[in-house]
Amino acid sequence: MTRSAPEQAAECAPRWAARLLVLSVMLLFSVSPMALGLIGVKYDLAEAPFWHKLHPCTIVAMLAFCVDVAARPRPFRRVRRIAAAFPGAMYFTAMWLLLVAHGLINQQAQLTALVEPYALSLVALFMIDEIGDSRRNFLRLFAHVAILANAFIGIIEFVTHLRLFPYEIGGVEVVGDYRSTALIGHPLLNASTTGAYILCLVLGGDSRLSAVWRISALLLAGFGMIAFGGRTAIAASSVIILLVALRRFAAILMGARVDIRQVLATLVVGPLLFGALIGAAQAGAFDAFFARYVDDNGSGEARSIALQLFDMFDLSDLMIGPRPDLVNSALKLLGIEIGIESSWLALLFQFGAWMEFFFVCGLLGLFYEFWRRGRPGVTLLFVYFVVVISSAIGIAAKTLIFAQFSLLLLLLFRREDAAPSRN
């Protein structure tokens, strides 16, 4: 029986939506704002056209969702199914739209800065289970390749002091910063995403990886972390890895089984790693990294000085959100040129305490949707993420930090992919 043209289109459209989502994820992990600047896209300039201000991965993701919904025979049924399957995400969406309305009407915020951080994460959450096993497997492998290629390029940049793309923020070249930018872009975003990737592997993510590949990937990503130089990400991930190692050691002492493949891989790779670290240290490869702890170009001081902002605004301003021009003047008066390096403080001074409270409640709902789809250990990943964004502007600005973190959870840390436990 020959199918009608509308029926054929209805079957074809979800495939195109899935392909668009795959393309969006590939753009997320491989195209940085600095790469966009090199081809003339003014991503982080206020006077740029609207379409310049959204990352291509966000545009493609929103297009994928529109195609997925609009091409259904009953689009509203698709929307109702999504609402029923993701109640936490629906609550977040309501609070997110409230924040957008408040930001646009009262705080003169830029729409793209409010949309960019969360759009791709929501679309991926809604669609990832429906794109098919083959596409999910491709994205899983692509995530490994992209993160490890990014780490390798970062190491090369760190050693040679050459960059794949110019390090620019707001159209101005950043000088005097040794940290690598590689494929992902800003060093802090690089460090955050690489640290999350390392924790995914340490906590058992992607059970299809062999022990040798897992340890090799951890080594390459670990050296990449040094090249990217995110101190909070390094400290937070190191503490979590130490706690996991102590717990596993205690379990072995209590009689738990030991995977001999992991032991053999560690015995082979361990001495190589130790030798590489000694050689790199003697060659002075870590001098710039440790110098960052001595002189951080005012980053740590800016975090403590930012607390003085509370003395410069009355309670009513803090509750409903002070005027943006007054906040900018206060930051200049305090000598803070790099912005408020805390997502929670930045949200408060952008939108006020009341709006931040509602938005954070919604954000917890979104976190819950990713958390309940993660394998055991996902709580530690969220602890790591919250610590990282607490020391950076993170989710309070136009960044892709949550998009990359959430995609790692969906691709490498899915509950369905967890290896069965052996008794």
Protein backbone atom coordinates (compact mmCIF):
# COMPACT_ATOMS: atom_id res chain seq x y z
CA MET A 1 0.00 0.00 0.00
CA THR A 2 1.42 3.38 -1.01
CA ARG A 3 1.74 5.92 1.75
CA SER A 4 0.48 9.45 1.26
CA ALA A 5 2.85 12.41 1.13
CA PRO A 6 1.80 13.69 4.59
CA GLU A 7 2.46 10.26 6.10
CA GLN A 8 5.91 10.09 4.53
CA ALA A 9 6.70 13.60 5.77
CA ALA A 10 5.53 12.68 9.28
CA GLU A 11 7.96 9.74 9.33
CA CYS A 12 10.83 11.73 7.84
CA ALA A 13 10.57 14.78 10.11
CA PRO A 14 11.57 13.05 13.40
CA ARG A 15 14.66 11.71 11.63
CA TRP A 16 15.59 15.23 10.58
CA ALA A 17 14.95 16.45 14.13
CA ALA A 18 17.29 13.75 15.44
CA ARG A 19 19.95 14.70 12.90
CA LEU A 20 19.68 18.34 13.91
CA LEU A 21 20.12 17.41 17.57
CA VAL A 22 23.22 15.38 16.70
CA LEU A 23 24.60 18.38 14.80
CA SER A 24 23.83 20.66 17.73
CA VAL A 25 25.77 18.48 20.17
CA MET A 26 28.71 18.28 17.77
CA LEU A 27 28.78 22.07 17.49
CA LEU A 28 28.59 22.38 21.28
CA PHE A 29 31.81 20.43 21.88
CA SER A 30 33.80 21.59 18.86
CA VAL A 31 33.04 25.25 18.08
CA SER A 32 34.04 27.90 20.62
CA PRO A 33 33.05 31.58 20.67
CA MET A 34 36.66 32.31 19.72
CA ALA A 35 36.32 30.17 16.61
CA LEU A 36 33.13 32.05 15.77
CA GLY A 37 34.98 35.34 16.14
CA LEU A 38 37.60 34.16 13.69
CA ILE A 39 34.93 33.82 10.96
CA GLY A 40 33.34 37.17 11.75
CA VAL A 41 30.55 36.14 14.15
CA LYS A 42 30.38 38.75 16.93
CA TYR A 43 29.15 36.33 19.59
CA ASP A 44 29.98 38.33 22.71
CA LEU A 45 29.59 41.90 21.44
CA ALA A 46 26.56 43.85 22.68
CA GLU A 47 26.11 45.74 19.41
CA ALA A 48 26.11 42.57 17.28
CA PRO A 49 23.00 41.39 15.38
CA PHE A 50 20.69 39.08 17.29
CA TRP A 51 21.59 35.96 15.32
CA HIS A 52 25.30 36.57 16.07
CA LYS A 53 24.65 36.43 19.81
CA LEU A 54 23.40 32.85 19.94
CA HIS A 55 25.82 29.97 19.57
CA PRO A 56 25.05 27.83 16.49
CA CYS A 57 24.46 24.81 18.74
CA THR A 58 21.60 26.67 20.46
CA ILE A 59 20.02 27.76 17.17
CA VAL A 60 20.21 24.24 15.74
CA ALA A 61 18.86 22.71 18.97
CA MET A 62 15.82 24.99 18.98
CA LEU A 63 15.25 24.21 15.30
CA ALA A 64 15.45 20.47 16.11
CA PHE A 65 12.79 20.81 18.78
CA CYS A 66 10.50 22.84 16.52
CA VAL A 67 10.80 20.23 13.76
CA ASP A 68 10.22 17.42 16.25
CA VAL A 69 7.00 18.98 17.57
CA ALA A 70 5.58 20.65 14.47
CA ALA A 71 5.92 17.60 12.23
CA ARG A 72 3.91 15.34 14.53
CA PRO A 73 0.35 14.54 13.46
CA ARG A 74 -0.75 15.89 16.85
CA PRO A 75 1.85 18.43 18.06
CA PHE A 76 0.00 19.32 21.25
CA ARG A 77 -0.07 15.67 22.26
CA ARG A 78 3.74 15.64 21.93
CA VAL A 79 3.97 18.70 24.17
CA ARG A 80 1.64 17.10 26.74
CA ARG A 81 3.77 13.94 26.72
CA ILE A 82 6.89 15.99 27.37
CA ALA A 83 5.19 17.84 30.23
CA ALA A 84 4.07 14.56 31.81
CA ALA A 85 7.48 12.90 31.43
CA PHE A 86 9.54 15.86 32.70
CA PRO A 87 7.64 17.64 35.50
CA GLY A 88 10.81 19.11 36.99
CA ALA A 89 11.81 20.57 33.64
CA MET A 90 8.32 22.04 33.22
CA TYR A 91 8.59 23.75 36.60
CA PHE A 92 12.02 25.07 35.62
CA THR A 93 10.62 26.35 32.31
CA ALA A 94 7.93 28.30 34.14
CA MET A 95 10.48 29.90 36.48
CA TRP A 96 12.84 30.46 33.56
CA LEU A 97 10.17 32.34 31.59
CA LEU A 98 9.41 34.39 34.69
CA LEU A 99 13.10 35.29 34.95
CA VAL A 100 13.21 36.19 31.25
CA ALA A 101 10.18 38.47 31.60
CA HIS A 102 11.62 40.18 34.69
CA GLY A 103 15.03 40.53 33.05
CA LEU A 104 13.70 42.04 29.84
CA ILE A 105 11.07 44.34 31.37
CA ASN A 106 12.76 45.53 34.56
CA GLN A 107 16.48 44.87 34.24
CA GLN A 108 17.17 45.57 30.55
CA ALA A 109 18.86 42.19 30.26
CA GLN A 110 19.78 40.70 26.88
CA LEU A 111 17.46 37.94 25.71
CA THR A 112 20.30 35.81 24.36
CA ALA A 113 22.07 35.81 27.74
CA LEU A 114 18.88 34.42 29.32
CA VAL A 115 18.22 31.80 26.64
CA GLU A 116 21.69 30.49 25.78
CA PRO A 117 22.63 28.69 29.03
CA TYR A 118 19.63 26.32 29.13
CA ALA A 119 18.01 25.90 25.70
CA LEU A 120 20.19 23.06 24.42
CA SER A 121 20.04 21.21 27.76
CA LEU A 122 16.24 21.21 27.70
CA VAL A 123 16.02 20.11 24.07
CA ALA A 124 18.51 17.29 24.63
CA LEU A 125 16.65 16.15 27.73
CA PHE A 126 13.36 16.01 25.80
CA MET A 127 14.74 14.31 22.69
CA ILE A 128 17.74 12.15 23.63
CA ASP A 129 15.67 9.02 24.30
CA GLU A 130 13.98 9.23 20.90
CA ILE A 131 16.91 9.71 18.53
CA GLY A 132 17.76 5.98 18.44
CA ASP A 133 20.54 3.84 19.87
CA SER A 134 22.85 4.30 16.88
CA ARG A 135 22.77 8.09 17.10
CA ARG A 136 23.18 8.03 20.87
CA ASN A 137 26.15 5.72 20.50
CA PHE A 138 27.66 8.04 17.89
CA LEU A 139 27.26 11.02 20.23
CA ARG A 140 28.74 8.99 23.10
CA LEU A 141 31.86 8.28 21.04
CA PHE A 142 31.95 11.84 19.74
CA ALA A 143 31.90 13.19 23.31
CA HIS A 144 35.00 11.10 24.13
CA VAL A 145 36.80 12.14 20.96
CA ALA A 146 35.92 15.83 21.32
CA ILE A 147 36.91 16.09 25.01
CA LEU A 148 40.17 14.20 24.53
CA ALA A 149 41.05 16.10 21.34
CA ASN A 150 40.34 19.31 23.22
CA ALA A 151 42.65 18.19 26.05
CA PHE A 152 45.40 17.23 23.58
CA ILE A 153 45.19 20.57 21.79
CA GLY A 154 45.19 22.32 25.17
CA ILE A 155 48.40 20.54 26.15
CA ILE A 156 50.04 21.52 22.84
CA GLU A 157 48.98 25.14 23.36
CA PHE A 158 50.29 25.04 26.93
CA VAL A 159 53.70 23.74 25.88
CA THR A 160 54.20 25.79 22.71
CA HIS A 161 52.42 29.01 23.84
CA LEU A 162 50.60 29.01 20.50
CA ARG A 163 46.81 29.04 20.19
CA LEU A 164 44.49 27.33 17.76
CA PHE A 165 42.18 30.37 17.94
CA PRO A 166 42.92 33.89 19.28
CA TYR A 167 41.96 34.30 22.94
CA GLU A 168 39.50 37.19 22.81
CA ILE A 169 36.71 38.35 25.11
CA GLY A 170 34.35 41.03 23.86
CA GLY A 171 36.50 41.54 20.80
CA VAL A 172 39.57 42.36 22.92
CA GLU A 173 42.56 40.02 22.90
CA VAL A 174 43.51 38.63 26.31
CA VAL A 175 47.24 38.90 26.97
CA GLY A 176 49.34 37.55 29.82
CA ASP A 177 47.13 34.49 30.41
CA TYR A 178 49.01 31.22 29.87
CA ARG A 179 45.90 29.02 30.07
CA SER A 180 44.86 27.09 26.98
CA THR A 181 41.61 27.67 25.10
CA ALA A 182 41.69 24.78 22.56
CA LEU A 183 38.33 23.85 20.98
CA ILE A 184 35.91 24.71 23.79
CA GLY A 185 37.10 28.26 24.44
CA HIS A 186 37.42 30.00 27.79
CA PRO A 187 39.87 28.23 30.13
CA LEU A 188 37.32 28.02 32.97
CA LEU A 189 34.75 26.39 30.69
CA ASN A 190 37.45 24.01 29.47
CA ALA A 191 38.44 23.10 33.01
CA SER A 192 34.86 22.66 34.19
CA THR A 193 33.88 20.37 31.32
CA THR A 194 37.11 18.36 31.43
CA GLY A 195 36.76 17.94 35.20
CA ALA A 196 33.19 16.68 34.76
CA TYR A 197 34.41 14.25 32.09
CA ILE A 198 37.12 12.93 34.41
CA LEU A 199 34.61 12.39 37.21
CA CYS A 200 32.24 10.60 34.81
CA LEU A 201 35.00 8.09 34.05
CA VAL A 202 36.17 7.77 37.66
CA LEU A 203 32.61 7.13 38.86
CA GLY A 204 32.05 4.39 36.28
CA GLY A 205 30.42 6.29 33.42
CA ASP A 206 30.28 4.63 30.00
CA SER A 207 30.64 1.02 31.11
CA ARG A 208 31.55 0.02 27.53
CA LEU A 209 35.03 1.52 27.91
CA SER A 210 37.81 -0.99 28.58
CA ALA A 211 40.07 -0.46 31.60
CA VAL A 212 43.05 0.53 29.41
CA TRP A 213 41.03 3.07 27.42
CA ARG A 214 39.48 4.47 30.60
CA ILE A 215 42.82 5.00 32.33
CA SER A 216 44.41 6.41 29.17
CA ALA A 217 41.53 8.86 28.76
CA LEU A 218 41.86 9.89 32.41
CA LEU A 219 45.57 10.57 31.97
CA LEU A 220 45.12 12.69 28.86
CA ALA A 221 42.20 14.63 30.36
CA GLY A 222 44.14 15.10 33.61
CA PHE A 223 47.07 16.71 31.81
CA GLY A 224 44.54 18.81 29.94
CA MET A 225 43.16 20.09 33.26
CA ILE A 226 46.61 21.43 34.11
CA ALA A 227 46.77 23.20 30.74
CA PHE A 228 43.37 24.83 31.30
CA GLY A 229 44.25 25.88 34.84
CA GLY A 230 40.83 26.04 36.50
CA ARG A 231 41.80 25.96 40.17
CA THR A 232 38.32 25.35 41.56
CA ALA A 233 37.60 22.58 39.05
CA ILE A 234 40.94 20.92 39.79
CA ALA A 235 40.48 21.16 43.56
CA ALA A 236 36.85 19.97 43.54
CA SER A 237 37.49 17.04 41.20
CA SER A 238 40.63 16.02 43.13
CA VAL A 239 38.77 15.96 46.45
CA ILE A 240 35.96 13.84 44.97
CA ILE A 241 38.43 11.43 43.34
CA LEU A 242 40.27 11.08 46.67
CA LEU A 243 37.03 10.31 48.50
CA VAL A 244 36.05 7.74 45.87
CA ALA A 245 39.50 6.13 46.05
CA LEU A 246 39.35 5.90 49.85
CA ARG A 247 35.88 4.38 49.69
CA ARG A 248 36.96 1.76 47.17
CA PHE A 249 40.08 0.95 49.18
CA ALA A 250 37.96 0.47 52.28
CA ALA A 251 35.60 -1.78 50.30
CA ILE A 252 38.55 -3.93 49.19
CA LEU A 253 39.68 -4.27 52.79
CA MET A 254 36.16 -5.42 53.66
CA GLY A 255 36.36 -8.18 51.05
CA ALA A 256 34.95 -6.58 47.90
CA ARG A 257 35.99 -8.05 44.55
CA VAL A 258 38.82 -6.45 42.58
CA ASP A 259 38.73 -6.07 38.80
CA ILE A 260 42.06 -7.58 37.77
CA ARG A 261 41.93 -5.74 34.43
CA GLN A 262 41.92 -2.37 36.18
CA VAL A 263 44.78 -3.49 38.44
CA LEU A 264 46.91 -4.60 35.48
CA ALA A 265 46.13 -1.42 33.55
CA THR A 266 47.11 0.68 36.57
CA LEU A 267 50.37 -1.24 37.01
CA VAL A 268 51.25 -0.63 33.37
CA VAL A 269 50.17 3.00 33.07
CA GLY A 270 51.10 4.14 36.60
CA PRO A 271 54.90 4.09 36.16
CA LEU A 272 54.54 5.78 32.75
CA LEU A 273 52.45 8.53 34.31
CA PHE A 274 54.91 9.01 37.17
CA GLY A 275 57.82 9.26 34.74
CA ALA A 276 55.94 11.73 32.55
CA LEU A 277 55.10 13.92 35.55
CA ILE A 278 58.72 13.96 36.74
CA GLY A 279 60.00 14.78 33.26
CA ALA A 280 57.44 17.54 32.74
CA ALA A 281 58.21 19.06 36.14
CA GLN A 282 61.95 19.08 35.46
CA ALA A 283 61.29 20.75 32.10
CA GLY A 284 59.35 23.54 33.86
CA ALA A 285 56.00 22.63 32.34
CA PHE A 286 54.15 23.28 35.60
CA ASP A 287 55.82 26.58 36.51
CA ALA A 288 53.08 28.73 34.98
CA PHE A 289 50.40 26.52 36.50
CA PHE A 290 51.70 26.90 40.06
CA ALA A 291 52.35 30.61 39.47
CA ARG A 292 48.61 30.99 38.98
CA TYR A 293 48.13 30.06 42.65
CA VAL A 294 50.54 32.81 43.67
CA ASP A 295 49.32 35.51 41.29
CA ASP A 296 45.80 34.97 39.90
CA ASN A 297 45.51 38.41 38.27
CA GLY A 298 43.07 39.56 40.95
CA SER A 299 40.55 36.75 40.49
CA GLY A 300 40.45 35.66 44.13
CA GLU A 301 40.51 39.24 45.39
CA ALA A 302 37.57 40.12 43.13
CA ARG A 303 35.47 37.40 44.78
CA SER A 304 36.02 38.80 48.25
CA ILE A 305 35.63 42.44 47.20
CA ALA A 306 32.33 41.60 45.50
CA LEU A 307 30.82 41.03 48.94
CA GLN A 308 31.15 44.77 49.53
CA LEU A 309 28.37 45.27 47.01
CA PHE A 310 25.88 44.41 49.77
CA ASP A 311 26.89 47.62 51.57
CA MET A 312 26.22 49.73 48.48
CA PHE A 313 22.52 48.86 47.99
CA ASP A 314 19.56 48.97 50.32
CA LEU A 315 17.38 45.97 51.11
CA SER A 316 14.62 46.86 48.63
CA ASP A 317 17.14 47.01 45.78
CA LEU A 318 18.58 43.65 46.75
CA MET A 319 15.13 42.06 46.92
CA ILE A 320 13.82 43.20 43.52
CA GLY A 321 17.13 43.76 41.72
CA PRO A 322 19.22 46.95 41.61
CA ARG A 323 19.46 49.00 38.43
CA PRO A 324 22.07 47.52 36.07
CA ASP A 325 23.83 50.86 35.57
CA LEU A 326 24.24 51.26 39.34
CA VAL A 327 25.66 47.75 39.64
CA ASN A 328 28.16 48.45 36.84
CA SER A 329 29.17 51.72 38.51
CA ALA A 330 29.62 49.95 41.84
CA LEU A 331 31.80 47.27 40.24
CA LYS A 332 34.00 49.92 38.64
CA LEU A 333 34.20 51.78 41.94
CA LEU A 334 35.41 48.62 43.65
CA GLY A 335 37.91 47.98 40.88
CA ILE A 336 36.26 44.77 39.69
CA GLU A 337 36.79 44.53 35.95
CA ILE A 338 36.21 40.80 35.44
CA GLY A 339 32.65 40.67 36.77
CA ILE A 340 31.11 38.93 39.77
CA GLU A 341 32.78 35.51 39.95
CA SER A 342 29.92 33.65 41.57
CA SER A 343 26.76 32.53 39.83
CA TRP A 344 24.65 33.05 42.94
CA LEU A 345 25.89 36.59 43.66
CA ALA A 346 25.65 37.51 39.98
CA LEU A 347 22.03 36.30 39.81
CA LEU A 348 21.17 38.28 42.94
CA PHE A 349 22.61 41.56 41.66
CA GLN A 350 21.13 41.05 38.20
CA PHE A 351 17.59 40.02 39.14
CA GLY A 352 17.14 40.44 42.90
CA ALA A 353 16.79 37.97 45.76
CA TRP A 354 13.11 37.16 45.16
CA MET A 355 13.58 36.29 41.51
CA GLU A 356 16.76 34.38 42.25
CA PHE A 357 14.91 32.29 44.86
CA PHE A 358 12.18 31.29 42.40
CA PHE A 359 14.67 30.63 39.62
CA VAL A 360 16.94 28.48 41.80
CA CYS A 361 13.90 26.46 42.90
CA GLY A 362 13.16 25.87 39.22
CA LEU A 363 16.80 25.04 38.58
CA LEU A 364 16.64 22.35 41.26
CA GLY A 365 13.69 20.87 39.37
CA LEU A 366 15.80 20.74 36.20
CA PHE A 367 18.73 19.26 38.10
CA TYR A 368 16.37 16.59 39.40
CA GLU A 369 15.42 15.51 35.88
CA PHE A 370 19.07 14.93 34.98
CA TRP A 371 19.82 13.41 38.38
CA ARG A 372 17.10 10.77 38.23
CA ARG A 373 18.32 9.66 34.81
CA GLY A 374 21.92 9.30 35.99
CA ARG A 375 23.67 6.22 37.26
CA PRO A 376 24.91 5.82 40.88
CA GLY A 377 27.43 8.56 41.65
CA VAL A 378 25.55 11.31 39.83
CA THR A 379 25.09 13.20 43.11
CA LEU A 380 28.86 13.72 43.32
CA LEU A 381 28.85 15.13 39.81
CA PHE A 382 26.23 17.68 40.81
CA VAL A 383 28.21 18.57 43.94
CA TYR A 384 31.20 19.22 41.69
CA PHE A 385 29.15 21.34 39.28
CA VAL A 386 27.62 23.47 42.06
CA VAL A 387 31.06 24.10 43.57
CA VAL A 388 32.46 25.16 40.18
CA ILE A 389 29.64 27.57 39.30
CA SER A 390 29.79 29.03 42.81
CA SER A 391 33.25 30.40 42.01
CA ALA A 392 32.50 31.58 38.46
CA ILE A 393 29.79 33.57 36.73
CA GLY A 394 28.74 30.28 35.13
CA ILE A 395 24.96 29.98 34.76
CA ALA A 396 24.41 33.71 35.42
CA ALA A 397 25.84 34.73 32.04
CA LYS A 398 25.80 33.66 28.41
CA THR A 399 27.88 30.52 28.77
CA LEU A 400 27.50 26.89 27.72
CA ILE A 401 28.79 25.45 30.98
CA PHE A 402 25.51 23.77 31.93
CA ALA A 403 24.86 22.58 28.37
CA GLN A 404 28.17 20.73 28.26
CA PHE A 405 27.76 19.33 31.78
CA SER A 406 24.22 18.10 31.10
CA LEU A 407 25.17 16.49 27.77
CA LEU A 408 27.98 14.57 29.47
CA LEU A 409 25.39 13.24 31.92
CA LEU A 410 23.00 12.23 29.14
CA LEU A 411 25.68 10.60 26.98
CA LEU A 412 28.17 9.09 29.43
CA PHE A 413 26.30 8.72 32.70
CA ARG A 414 22.88 7.35 31.75
CA ARG A 415 21.27 4.99 34.24
CA GLU A 416 20.31 2.65 31.39
CA ASP A 417 23.98 2.27 30.44
CA ALA A 418 25.11 1.26 33.93
CA ALA A 419 26.84 -2.09 34.00
CA PRO A 420 24.93 -4.76 35.95
CA SER A 421 26.33 -5.33 39.40
CA ARG A 422 27.99 -8.64 40.12
CA ASN A 423 27.30 -10.31 43.46
